[in-house]
Amino acid sequence: MTDTNNARHYPLLAQPHVHLHGTVDDAMYTEFRNQLTNAPGEGSLVFSLTTLGGDPEIARAMGDDVRLIRDYTGRETIFLGKVAVYSAGATFMSAFPVEKRFLTKGTRILVHERQISSTVQLGGPLRMQIANLKAKLHEIEHSILIEEEGFRDLIAGSSVDYDDLIARAPDNWYINCREAKEMGLVLDVI
């Protein structure tokens, strides 16, 4: 890395207040809340994450907690991605402004489309089947809207073009730490 490493301005990166690793799920959210409760009541908060992915709605909920801390207390919140920030991990990272995001050397980010696995059962009165199919279609349409909002949050303040992200997401877009810095998705690699 170059001598312009911004990490020296953030010595707290060496000792995050909230360490998260593993699948983004209910257990991670519980651990997130417990560690947040035990974090210092004042000053900057550093959140460290290593994950291969998980539930995007849990990631969004954790991200909302971070946003509320920042918006309602004025506290600085800093993201540190370690090793793997995949899928729902990128969703959580998007809750932090790009100038408050860091990755450790060798870390990769994975961005992809939301997934669905569902079976639609049809049986009974015909008119009821139309309602069942419309309900499933609405679920998919709103999931796409949520995905688009998340993608826009992820790239806000970076040089990544939204249409480029949309084109790459179906094929699982892996971004190494150097590329993430060059594209402005993170402030620095430490």
N, C-alpha and C. Protein backbone atom coordinates (compact mmCIF):
# COMPACT_ATOMS: atom_id res chain seq x y z
N MET A 1 0.84 -1.18 0.00
CA MET A 1 0.00 0.00 0.00
C MET A 1 0.89 1.25 0.00
N THR A 2 0.31 2.34 -0.34
CA THR A 2 1.05 3.58 -0.45
C THR A 2 1.15 4.28 0.89
N ASP A 3 1.94 5.35 0.91
CA ASP A 3 2.10 6.14 2.13
C ASP A 3 0.86 6.96 2.45
N THR A 4 -0.13 6.97 1.57
CA THR A 4 -1.33 7.76 1.80
C THR A 4 -2.39 6.96 2.54
N ASN A 5 -1.98 5.96 3.28
CA ASN A 5 -2.91 5.12 4.02
C ASN A 5 -3.65 5.97 5.06
N ASN A 6 -4.98 6.00 4.95
CA ASN A 6 -5.81 6.80 5.84
C ASN A 6 -6.08 6.12 7.18
N ALA A 7 -5.71 4.86 7.32
CA ALA A 7 -6.00 4.12 8.54
C ALA A 7 -5.34 4.73 9.77
N ARG A 8 -4.22 5.40 9.59
CA ARG A 8 -3.54 5.99 10.74
C ARG A 8 -4.41 7.04 11.43
N HIS A 9 -5.40 7.57 10.71
CA HIS A 9 -6.32 8.54 11.29
C HIS A 9 -7.42 7.85 12.11
N TYR A 10 -7.44 6.53 12.05
CA TYR A 10 -8.46 5.74 12.74
C TYR A 10 -7.81 4.64 13.58
N PRO A 11 -7.14 5.01 14.67
CA PRO A 11 -6.46 3.99 15.48
C PRO A 11 -7.42 2.98 16.10
N LEU A 12 -8.70 3.31 16.19
CA LEU A 12 -9.67 2.37 16.76
C LEU A 12 -9.87 1.14 15.89
N LEU A 13 -9.43 1.20 14.63
CA LEU A 13 -9.59 0.04 13.75
C LEU A 13 -8.86 -1.19 14.31
N ALA A 14 -7.84 -0.96 15.10
CA ALA A 14 -7.08 -2.07 15.68
C ALA A 14 -7.86 -2.79 16.78
N GLN A 15 -8.88 -2.12 17.33
CA GLN A 15 -9.65 -2.72 18.41
C GLN A 15 -11.13 -2.41 18.24
N PRO A 16 -11.79 -3.07 17.28
CA PRO A 16 -13.21 -2.81 17.06
C PRO A 16 -14.05 -3.05 18.32
N HIS A 17 -15.12 -2.30 18.43
CA HIS A 17 -16.03 -2.45 19.56
C HIS A 17 -17.00 -3.60 19.37
N VAL A 18 -17.37 -3.84 18.10
CA VAL A 18 -18.30 -4.92 17.76
C VAL A 18 -17.63 -5.81 16.73
N HIS A 19 -17.39 -7.07 17.11
CA HIS A 19 -16.76 -8.08 16.23
C HIS A 19 -17.84 -9.06 15.79
N LEU A 20 -18.10 -9.14 14.51
CA LEU A 20 -19.10 -10.07 14.00
C LEU A 20 -18.44 -11.01 13.00
N HIS A 21 -18.75 -12.28 13.12
CA HIS A 21 -18.23 -13.26 12.16
C HIS A 21 -19.22 -14.41 12.05
N GLY A 22 -19.28 -14.99 10.87
CA GLY A 22 -20.19 -16.10 10.64
C GLY A 22 -21.37 -15.69 9.78
N THR A 23 -22.38 -16.51 9.82
CA THR A 23 -23.58 -16.29 9.02
C THR A 23 -24.40 -15.13 9.57
N VAL A 24 -24.87 -14.28 8.68
CA VAL A 24 -25.75 -13.17 9.08
C VAL A 24 -27.13 -13.79 9.32
N ASP A 25 -27.47 -13.94 10.60
CA ASP A 25 -28.73 -14.57 10.97
C ASP A 25 -29.20 -14.01 12.32
N ASP A 26 -30.24 -14.61 12.88
CA ASP A 26 -30.76 -14.14 14.17
C ASP A 26 -29.71 -14.18 15.27
N ALA A 27 -28.88 -15.22 15.26
CA ALA A 27 -27.83 -15.34 16.28
C ALA A 27 -26.82 -14.20 16.15
N MET A 28 -26.46 -13.84 14.91
CA MET A 28 -25.54 -12.72 14.72
C MET A 28 -26.18 -11.43 15.19
N TYR A 29 -27.47 -11.26 14.90
CA TYR A 29 -28.14 -10.03 15.33
C TYR A 29 -28.16 -9.93 16.86
N THR A 30 -28.39 -11.04 17.53
CA THR A 30 -28.37 -11.05 19.00
C THR A 30 -26.98 -10.69 19.50
N GLU A 31 -25.95 -11.27 18.90
CA GLU A 31 -24.57 -10.96 19.29
C GLU A 31 -24.24 -9.49 19.00
N PHE A 32 -24.70 -8.99 17.87
CA PHE A 32 -24.52 -7.59 17.51
C PHE A 32 -25.12 -6.69 18.59
N ARG A 33 -26.36 -6.97 18.98
CA ARG A 33 -27.03 -6.14 20.00
C ARG A 33 -26.32 -6.24 21.34
N ASN A 34 -25.87 -7.44 21.72
CA ASN A 34 -25.16 -7.61 23.00
C ASN A 34 -23.85 -6.83 23.01
N GLN A 35 -23.08 -6.94 21.94
CA GLN A 35 -21.81 -6.22 21.88
C GLN A 35 -22.04 -4.71 21.83
N LEU A 36 -23.06 -4.30 21.14
CA LEU A 36 -23.38 -2.87 21.05
C LEU A 36 -23.76 -2.33 22.42
N THR A 37 -24.52 -3.10 23.18
CA THR A 37 -24.91 -2.70 24.53
C THR A 37 -23.68 -2.54 25.43
N ASN A 38 -22.67 -3.37 25.22
CA ASN A 38 -21.46 -3.33 26.05
C ASN A 38 -20.39 -2.39 25.52
N ALA A 39 -20.63 -1.76 24.38
CA ALA A 39 -19.65 -0.82 23.79
C ALA A 39 -19.67 0.48 24.59
N PRO A 40 -18.60 1.25 24.49
CA PRO A 40 -18.57 2.55 25.18
C PRO A 40 -19.77 3.42 24.77
N GLY A 41 -20.25 4.21 25.71
CA GLY A 41 -21.42 5.05 25.46
C GLY A 41 -21.13 6.32 24.70
N GLU A 42 -19.86 6.63 24.50
CA GLU A 42 -19.49 7.85 23.79
C GLU A 42 -18.33 7.56 22.84
N GLY A 43 -18.14 8.46 21.91
CA GLY A 43 -17.03 8.34 20.97
C GLY A 43 -17.37 7.48 19.77
N SER A 44 -16.39 7.30 18.93
CA SER A 44 -16.56 6.52 17.70
C SER A 44 -16.81 5.06 18.01
N LEU A 45 -17.55 4.39 17.11
CA LEU A 45 -17.80 2.96 17.22
C LEU A 45 -17.29 2.27 15.97
N VAL A 46 -16.49 1.22 16.15
CA VAL A 46 -15.96 0.45 15.03
C VAL A 46 -16.64 -0.91 15.01
N PHE A 47 -17.16 -1.27 13.84
CA PHE A 47 -17.83 -2.55 13.63
C PHE A 47 -17.00 -3.38 12.67
N SER A 48 -16.58 -4.55 13.10
CA SER A 48 -15.78 -5.47 12.30
C SER A 48 -16.67 -6.62 11.84
N LEU A 49 -16.54 -7.02 10.56
CA LEU A 49 -17.38 -8.09 10.03
C LEU A 49 -16.60 -9.01 9.11
N THR A 50 -16.79 -10.31 9.30
CA THR A 50 -16.34 -11.36 8.39
C THR A 50 -17.53 -12.28 8.19
N THR A 51 -17.99 -12.42 6.94
CA THR A 51 -19.14 -13.29 6.68
C THR A 51 -19.16 -13.78 5.24
N LEU A 52 -19.67 -14.98 5.08
CA LEU A 52 -19.92 -15.53 3.75
C LEU A 52 -21.34 -15.22 3.31
N GLY A 53 -22.11 -14.50 4.14
CA GLY A 53 -23.45 -14.08 3.77
C GLY A 53 -24.49 -14.54 4.75
N GLY A 54 -25.73 -14.49 4.31
CA GLY A 54 -26.84 -14.87 5.17
C GLY A 54 -28.10 -14.11 4.82
N ASP A 55 -28.86 -13.76 5.83
CA ASP A 55 -30.16 -13.13 5.67
C ASP A 55 -30.02 -11.63 5.41
N PRO A 56 -30.41 -11.16 4.22
CA PRO A 56 -30.25 -9.74 3.93
C PRO A 56 -31.11 -8.84 4.80
N GLU A 57 -32.24 -9.35 5.29
CA GLU A 57 -33.10 -8.53 6.15
C GLU A 57 -32.47 -8.33 7.53
N ILE A 58 -31.75 -9.32 8.02
CA ILE A 58 -31.02 -9.15 9.28
C ILE A 58 -29.91 -8.13 9.07
N ALA A 59 -29.22 -8.20 7.94
CA ALA A 59 -28.17 -7.23 7.63
C ALA A 59 -28.75 -5.82 7.56
N ARG A 60 -29.93 -5.69 6.95
CA ARG A 60 -30.58 -4.37 6.87
C ARG A 60 -30.97 -3.88 8.26
N ALA A 61 -31.43 -4.77 9.13
CA ALA A 61 -31.81 -4.38 10.49
C ALA A 61 -30.58 -3.89 11.28
N MET A 62 -29.47 -4.61 11.16
CA MET A 62 -28.24 -4.16 11.83
C MET A 62 -27.80 -2.83 11.26
N GLY A 63 -27.89 -2.68 9.94
CA GLY A 63 -27.53 -1.42 9.30
C GLY A 63 -28.41 -0.27 9.78
N ASP A 64 -29.69 -0.54 9.96
CA ASP A 64 -30.58 0.50 10.49
C ASP A 64 -30.18 0.91 11.90
N ASP A 65 -29.78 -0.06 12.71
CA ASP A 65 -29.32 0.28 14.07
C ASP A 65 -28.11 1.20 14.00
N VAL A 66 -27.19 0.92 13.10
CA VAL A 66 -25.99 1.76 12.94
C VAL A 66 -26.39 3.16 12.48
N ARG A 67 -27.28 3.22 11.50
CA ARG A 67 -27.74 4.51 10.98
C ARG A 67 -28.42 5.33 12.08
N LEU A 68 -29.24 4.68 12.89
CA LEU A 68 -29.93 5.39 13.97
C LEU A 68 -28.95 5.92 15.00
N ILE A 69 -27.93 5.14 15.31
CA ILE A 69 -26.88 5.63 16.23
C ILE A 69 -26.24 6.88 15.66
N ARG A 70 -25.87 6.81 14.40
CA ARG A 70 -25.20 7.94 13.75
C ARG A 70 -26.14 9.16 13.67
N ASP A 71 -27.38 8.95 13.24
CA ASP A 71 -28.31 10.05 13.03
C ASP A 71 -28.81 10.68 14.33
N TYR A 72 -29.00 9.88 15.36
CA TYR A 72 -29.61 10.40 16.58
C TYR A 72 -28.64 10.71 17.70
N THR A 73 -27.40 10.24 17.58
CA THR A 73 -26.43 10.58 18.62
C THR A 73 -25.27 11.39 18.06
N GLY A 74 -25.12 11.39 16.74
CA GLY A 74 -24.00 12.09 16.11
C GLY A 74 -22.68 11.35 16.23
N ARG A 75 -22.72 10.12 16.72
CA ARG A 75 -21.49 9.35 16.87
C ARG A 75 -20.97 8.88 15.52
N GLU A 76 -19.66 8.85 15.41
CA GLU A 76 -19.02 8.32 14.21
C GLU A 76 -19.10 6.80 14.25
N THR A 77 -19.53 6.19 13.13
CA THR A 77 -19.58 4.74 13.01
C THR A 77 -18.67 4.33 11.86
N ILE A 78 -17.82 3.34 12.11
CA ILE A 78 -16.79 2.93 11.16
C ILE A 78 -16.93 1.43 10.89
N PHE A 79 -16.82 1.06 9.62
CA PHE A 79 -16.91 -0.34 9.20
C PHE A 79 -15.53 -0.87 8.86
N LEU A 80 -15.21 -2.06 9.35
CA LEU A 80 -13.98 -2.76 9.00
C LEU A 80 -14.33 -4.16 8.51
N GLY A 81 -14.18 -4.38 7.21
CA GLY A 81 -14.41 -5.70 6.63
C GLY A 81 -13.13 -6.51 6.67
N LYS A 82 -13.26 -7.76 7.12
CA LYS A 82 -12.10 -8.64 7.24
C LYS A 82 -12.34 -9.92 6.46
N VAL A 83 -11.40 -10.27 5.60
CA VAL A 83 -11.33 -11.53 4.85
C VAL A 83 -12.46 -11.66 3.83
N ALA A 84 -13.72 -11.74 4.29
CA ALA A 84 -14.86 -11.93 3.39
C ALA A 84 -16.02 -11.05 3.83
N VAL A 85 -16.50 -10.24 2.91
CA VAL A 85 -17.69 -9.41 3.14
C VAL A 85 -18.63 -9.77 1.99
N TYR A 86 -19.25 -10.92 2.13
CA TYR A 86 -20.05 -11.47 1.05
C TYR A 86 -21.53 -11.22 1.27
N SER A 87 -22.23 -10.98 0.18
CA SER A 87 -23.68 -10.98 0.13
C SER A 87 -24.30 -10.08 1.19
N ALA A 88 -24.91 -10.66 2.21
CA ALA A 88 -25.54 -9.86 3.27
C ALA A 88 -24.51 -8.99 3.99
N GLY A 89 -23.24 -9.40 3.95
CA GLY A 89 -22.18 -8.56 4.53
C GLY A 89 -22.04 -7.25 3.79
N ALA A 90 -22.16 -7.31 2.45
CA ALA A 90 -22.12 -6.08 1.65
C ALA A 90 -23.35 -5.22 1.94
N THR A 91 -24.47 -5.87 2.22
CA THR A 91 -25.68 -5.13 2.61
C THR A 91 -25.43 -4.37 3.90
N PHE A 92 -24.82 -5.02 4.89
CA PHE A 92 -24.50 -4.34 6.14
C PHE A 92 -23.50 -3.21 5.91
N MET A 93 -22.48 -3.46 5.11
CA MET A 93 -21.47 -2.44 4.81
C MET A 93 -22.11 -1.20 4.20
N SER A 94 -23.17 -1.38 3.42
CA SER A 94 -23.81 -0.25 2.75
C SER A 94 -24.44 0.73 3.72
N ALA A 95 -24.59 0.36 4.98
CA ALA A 95 -25.15 1.27 6.00
C ALA A 95 -24.13 2.33 6.43
N PHE A 96 -22.88 2.16 6.03
CA PHE A 96 -21.82 3.09 6.40
C PHE A 96 -21.46 3.94 5.19
N PRO A 97 -21.21 5.24 5.38
CA PRO A 97 -20.74 6.06 4.26
C PRO A 97 -19.38 5.54 3.76
N VAL A 98 -19.11 5.68 2.47
CA VAL A 98 -17.87 5.14 1.91
C VAL A 98 -16.63 5.67 2.63
N GLU A 99 -16.67 6.90 3.12
CA GLU A 99 -15.50 7.46 3.81
C GLU A 99 -15.31 6.91 5.22
N LYS A 100 -16.20 5.99 5.63
CA LYS A 100 -16.09 5.34 6.94
C LYS A 100 -15.98 3.83 6.79
N ARG A 101 -15.59 3.38 5.59
CA ARG A 101 -15.43 1.95 5.31
C ARG A 101 -13.97 1.62 5.08
N PHE A 102 -13.53 0.52 5.70
CA PHE A 102 -12.17 0.01 5.54
C PHE A 102 -12.23 -1.49 5.31
N LEU A 103 -11.22 -2.01 4.62
CA LEU A 103 -11.06 -3.45 4.45
C LEU A 103 -9.64 -3.82 4.85
N THR A 104 -9.47 -5.02 5.39
CA THR A 104 -8.12 -5.51 5.64
C THR A 104 -7.56 -6.08 4.34
N LYS A 105 -6.23 -6.16 4.27
CA LYS A 105 -5.56 -6.69 3.07
C LYS A 105 -6.08 -8.08 2.76
N GLY A 106 -6.34 -8.33 1.49
CA GLY A 106 -6.80 -9.64 1.06
C GLY A 106 -8.30 -9.85 1.15
N THR A 107 -9.02 -8.89 1.67
CA THR A 107 -10.48 -9.03 1.81
C THR A 107 -11.16 -8.94 0.45
N ARG A 108 -12.24 -9.68 0.31
CA ARG A 108 -13.06 -9.64 -0.89
C ARG A 108 -14.49 -9.28 -0.50
N ILE A 109 -15.15 -8.55 -1.39
CA ILE A 109 -16.57 -8.24 -1.26
C ILE A 109 -17.29 -9.04 -2.34
N LEU A 110 -18.45 -9.58 -2.02
CA LEU A 110 -19.29 -10.26 -3.00
C LEU A 110 -20.63 -9.53 -3.08
N VAL A 111 -20.96 -9.11 -4.30
CA VAL A 111 -22.24 -8.47 -4.56
C VAL A 111 -22.99 -9.34 -5.56
N HIS A 112 -24.23 -9.67 -5.24
CA HIS A 112 -25.05 -10.46 -6.16
C HIS A 112 -26.51 -10.12 -5.97
N GLU A 113 -27.32 -10.62 -6.89
CA GLU A 113 -28.76 -10.42 -6.78
C GLU A 113 -29.31 -11.22 -5.61
N ARG A 114 -30.42 -10.76 -5.07
CA ARG A 114 -31.12 -11.53 -4.05
C ARG A 114 -31.59 -12.84 -4.66
N GLN A 115 -31.69 -13.84 -3.82
CA GLN A 115 -32.10 -15.17 -4.27
C GLN A 115 -33.49 -15.49 -3.75
N ILE A 116 -34.20 -16.34 -4.47
CA ILE A 116 -35.49 -16.84 -4.00
C ILE A 116 -35.58 -18.31 -4.34
N SER A 117 -36.17 -19.04 -3.44
CA SER A 117 -36.47 -20.44 -3.66
C SER A 117 -37.88 -20.65 -3.13
N SER A 118 -38.81 -20.89 -4.03
CA SER A 118 -40.21 -20.91 -3.61
C SER A 118 -41.01 -21.82 -4.52
N THR A 119 -42.02 -22.42 -3.95
CA THR A 119 -42.96 -23.23 -4.71
C THR A 119 -44.34 -22.62 -4.55
N VAL A 120 -45.03 -22.45 -5.64
CA VAL A 120 -46.39 -21.92 -5.58
C VAL A 120 -47.35 -23.09 -5.76
N GLN A 121 -48.18 -23.30 -4.75
CA GLN A 121 -49.18 -24.38 -4.80
C GLN A 121 -50.50 -23.81 -5.31
N LEU A 122 -51.05 -24.42 -6.31
CA LEU A 122 -52.33 -24.02 -6.83
C LEU A 122 -53.34 -25.12 -6.56
N GLY A 123 -54.47 -24.73 -6.01
CA GLY A 123 -55.54 -25.68 -5.73
C GLY A 123 -56.73 -24.95 -5.18
N GLY A 124 -57.90 -25.30 -5.61
CA GLY A 124 -59.10 -24.66 -5.13
C GLY A 124 -59.74 -23.78 -6.19
N PRO A 125 -60.57 -22.85 -5.75
CA PRO A 125 -61.29 -21.99 -6.70
C PRO A 125 -60.34 -21.20 -7.60
N LEU A 126 -60.68 -21.07 -8.85
CA LEU A 126 -59.82 -20.42 -9.83
C LEU A 126 -59.49 -18.98 -9.47
N ARG A 127 -60.48 -18.21 -9.05
CA ARG A 127 -60.23 -16.80 -8.73
C ARG A 127 -59.22 -16.66 -7.58
N MET A 128 -59.22 -17.60 -6.68
CA MET A 128 -58.27 -17.58 -5.56
C MET A 128 -56.84 -17.77 -6.06
N GLN A 129 -56.66 -18.50 -7.14
CA GLN A 129 -55.33 -18.76 -7.68
C GLN A 129 -54.71 -17.49 -8.24
N ILE A 130 -55.55 -16.64 -8.82
CA ILE A 130 -55.06 -15.35 -9.31
C ILE A 130 -54.50 -14.54 -8.15
N ALA A 131 -55.21 -14.52 -7.03
CA ALA A 131 -54.73 -13.79 -5.85
C ALA A 131 -53.42 -14.38 -5.34
N ASN A 132 -53.30 -15.70 -5.31
CA ASN A 132 -52.06 -16.35 -4.86
C ASN A 132 -50.89 -15.97 -5.75
N LEU A 133 -51.11 -16.01 -7.06
CA LEU A 133 -50.04 -15.68 -8.00
C LEU A 133 -49.67 -14.20 -7.92
N LYS A 134 -50.65 -13.32 -7.77
CA LYS A 134 -50.37 -11.89 -7.62
C LYS A 134 -49.57 -11.62 -6.35
N ALA A 135 -49.91 -12.30 -5.27
CA ALA A 135 -49.19 -12.12 -4.01
C ALA A 135 -47.72 -12.50 -4.17
N LYS A 136 -47.45 -13.60 -4.85
CA LYS A 136 -46.06 -14.03 -5.07
C LYS A 136 -45.33 -13.04 -5.97
N LEU A 137 -46.01 -12.56 -7.01
CA LEU A 137 -45.42 -11.56 -7.90
C LEU A 137 -45.09 -10.28 -7.14
N HIS A 138 -45.99 -9.84 -6.26
CA HIS A 138 -45.73 -8.63 -5.45
C HIS A 138 -44.53 -8.84 -4.53
N GLU A 139 -44.41 -10.02 -3.97
CA GLU A 139 -43.25 -10.33 -3.12
C GLU A 139 -41.95 -10.17 -3.91
N ILE A 140 -41.93 -10.72 -5.12
CA ILE A 140 -40.74 -10.63 -5.96
C ILE A 140 -40.46 -9.18 -6.35
N GLU A 141 -41.50 -8.46 -6.77
CA GLU A 141 -41.32 -7.07 -7.18
C GLU A 141 -40.78 -6.20 -6.04
N HIS A 142 -41.30 -6.40 -4.84
CA HIS A 142 -40.82 -5.59 -3.72
C HIS A 142 -39.42 -6.01 -3.27
N SER A 143 -39.11 -7.27 -3.40
CA SER A 143 -37.74 -7.72 -3.11
C SER A 143 -36.75 -7.08 -4.07
N ILE A 144 -37.14 -6.93 -5.32
CA ILE A 144 -36.28 -6.26 -6.31
C ILE A 144 -36.10 -4.80 -5.94
N LEU A 145 -37.16 -4.13 -5.51
CA LEU A 145 -37.05 -2.72 -5.09
C LEU A 145 -36.11 -2.58 -3.89
N ILE A 146 -36.22 -3.48 -2.93
CA ILE A 146 -35.33 -3.46 -1.76
C ILE A 146 -33.89 -3.69 -2.20
N GLU A 147 -33.69 -4.64 -3.11
CA GLU A 147 -32.35 -4.91 -3.64
C GLU A 147 -31.77 -3.66 -4.30
N GLU A 148 -32.57 -2.98 -5.12
CA GLU A 148 -32.10 -1.78 -5.81
C GLU A 148 -31.73 -0.68 -4.82
N GLU A 149 -32.53 -0.51 -3.77
CA GLU A 149 -32.20 0.48 -2.73
C GLU A 149 -30.86 0.14 -2.09
N GLY A 150 -30.66 -1.13 -1.79
CA GLY A 150 -29.41 -1.56 -1.18
C GLY A 150 -28.21 -1.34 -2.09
N PHE A 151 -28.37 -1.64 -3.37
CA PHE A 151 -27.29 -1.42 -4.33
C PHE A 151 -26.93 0.06 -4.40
N ARG A 152 -27.94 0.91 -4.40
CA ARG A 152 -27.68 2.36 -4.46
C ARG A 152 -26.96 2.84 -3.21
N ASP A 153 -27.34 2.30 -2.05
CA ASP A 153 -26.65 2.66 -0.80
C ASP A 153 -25.20 2.19 -0.84
N LEU A 154 -24.97 0.99 -1.36
CA LEU A 154 -23.61 0.44 -1.42
C LEU A 154 -22.68 1.32 -2.24
N ILE A 155 -23.16 1.85 -3.36
CA ILE A 155 -22.29 2.60 -4.27
C ILE A 155 -22.35 4.11 -4.08
N ALA A 156 -23.23 4.59 -3.19
CA ALA A 156 -23.34 6.04 -2.97
C ALA A 156 -22.00 6.62 -2.55
N GLY A 157 -21.55 7.64 -3.25
CA GLY A 157 -20.28 8.28 -2.94
C GLY A 157 -19.07 7.62 -3.60
N SER A 158 -19.30 6.57 -4.37
CA SER A 158 -18.20 5.87 -5.05
C SER A 158 -18.24 6.20 -6.53
N SER A 159 -17.30 5.64 -7.28
CA SER A 159 -17.29 5.84 -8.73
C SER A 159 -17.98 4.69 -9.47
N VAL A 160 -18.58 3.77 -8.74
CA VAL A 160 -19.25 2.63 -9.36
C VAL A 160 -20.55 3.10 -10.00
N ASP A 161 -20.73 2.74 -11.26
CA ASP A 161 -21.93 3.07 -12.01
C ASP A 161 -23.03 2.06 -11.66
N TYR A 162 -24.21 2.56 -11.37
CA TYR A 162 -25.33 1.69 -10.99
C TYR A 162 -25.62 0.64 -12.06
N ASP A 163 -25.67 1.04 -13.31
CA ASP A 163 -25.95 0.10 -14.40
C ASP A 163 -24.87 -0.98 -14.51
N ASP A 164 -23.62 -0.61 -14.22
CA ASP A 164 -22.54 -1.59 -14.23
C ASP A 164 -22.74 -2.61 -13.10
N LEU A 165 -23.12 -2.13 -11.92
CA LEU A 165 -23.38 -3.03 -10.80
C LEU A 165 -24.52 -3.98 -11.15
N ILE A 166 -25.60 -3.45 -11.71
CA ILE A 166 -26.75 -4.28 -12.09
C ILE A 166 -26.34 -5.34 -13.13
N ALA A 167 -25.45 -4.97 -14.04
CA ALA A 167 -24.99 -5.92 -15.05
C ALA A 167 -24.11 -7.01 -14.46
N ARG A 168 -23.34 -6.69 -13.42
CA ARG A 168 -22.40 -7.66 -12.84
C ARG A 168 -23.03 -8.53 -11.75
N ALA A 169 -24.04 -8.03 -11.07
CA ALA A 169 -24.63 -8.73 -9.92
C ALA A 169 -25.16 -10.13 -10.23
N PRO A 170 -25.78 -10.38 -11.39
CA PRO A 170 -26.29 -11.74 -11.63
C PRO A 170 -25.20 -12.82 -11.67
N ASP A 171 -23.97 -12.42 -11.96
CA ASP A 171 -22.87 -13.38 -12.09
C ASP A 171 -21.99 -13.46 -10.84
N ASN A 172 -22.46 -12.95 -9.71
CA ASN A 172 -21.66 -12.91 -8.48
C ASN A 172 -20.40 -12.07 -8.69
N TRP A 173 -20.48 -10.81 -8.40
CA TRP A 173 -19.38 -9.86 -8.60
C TRP A 173 -18.49 -9.86 -7.36
N TYR A 174 -17.30 -10.45 -7.50
CA TYR A 174 -16.29 -10.44 -6.44
C TYR A 174 -15.39 -9.23 -6.65
N ILE A 175 -15.20 -8.45 -5.61
CA ILE A 175 -14.38 -7.23 -5.68
C ILE A 175 -13.26 -7.37 -4.65
N ASN A 176 -12.00 -7.37 -5.12
CA ASN A 176 -10.92 -7.47 -4.13
C ASN A 176 -10.70 -6.10 -3.48
N CYS A 177 -9.99 -6.10 -2.38
CA CYS A 177 -9.84 -4.87 -1.57
C CYS A 177 -9.22 -3.72 -2.36
N ARG A 178 -8.24 -4.01 -3.20
CA ARG A 178 -7.60 -2.94 -3.98
C ARG A 178 -8.59 -2.32 -4.96
N GLU A 179 -9.37 -3.18 -5.62
CA GLU A 179 -10.38 -2.68 -6.55
C GLU A 179 -11.43 -1.85 -5.80
N ALA A 180 -11.83 -2.32 -4.63
CA ALA A 180 -12.83 -1.59 -3.84
C ALA A 180 -12.33 -0.19 -3.50
N LYS A 181 -11.05 -0.08 -3.15
CA LYS A 181 -10.48 1.24 -2.86
C LYS A 181 -10.43 2.10 -4.13
N GLU A 182 -9.98 1.51 -5.23
CA GLU A 182 -9.88 2.27 -6.49
C GLU A 182 -11.24 2.78 -6.95
N MET A 183 -12.28 2.00 -6.70
CA MET A 183 -13.63 2.40 -7.11
C MET A 183 -14.30 3.32 -6.10
N GLY A 184 -13.63 3.53 -4.96
CA GLY A 184 -14.20 4.40 -3.93
C GLY A 184 -15.28 3.75 -3.10
N LEU A 185 -15.36 2.41 -3.10
CA LEU A 185 -16.32 1.72 -2.25
C LEU A 185 -15.89 1.72 -0.79
N VAL A 186 -14.58 1.89 -0.56
CA VAL A 186 -14.03 1.99 0.79
C VAL A 186 -13.01 3.11 0.81
N LEU A 187 -12.75 3.64 1.98
CA LEU A 187 -11.75 4.70 2.09
C LEU A 187 -10.35 4.14 1.93
N ASP A 188 -10.09 2.99 2.58
CA ASP A 188 -8.74 2.47 2.53
C ASP A 188 -8.67 1.00 2.85
N VAL A 189 -7.52 0.40 2.54
CA VAL A 189 -7.17 -0.98 2.86
C VAL A 189 -6.07 -0.93 3.90
N ILE A 190 -6.24 -1.68 4.98
CA ILE A 190 -5.24 -1.64 6.06
C ILE A 190 -4.61 -3.01 6.25
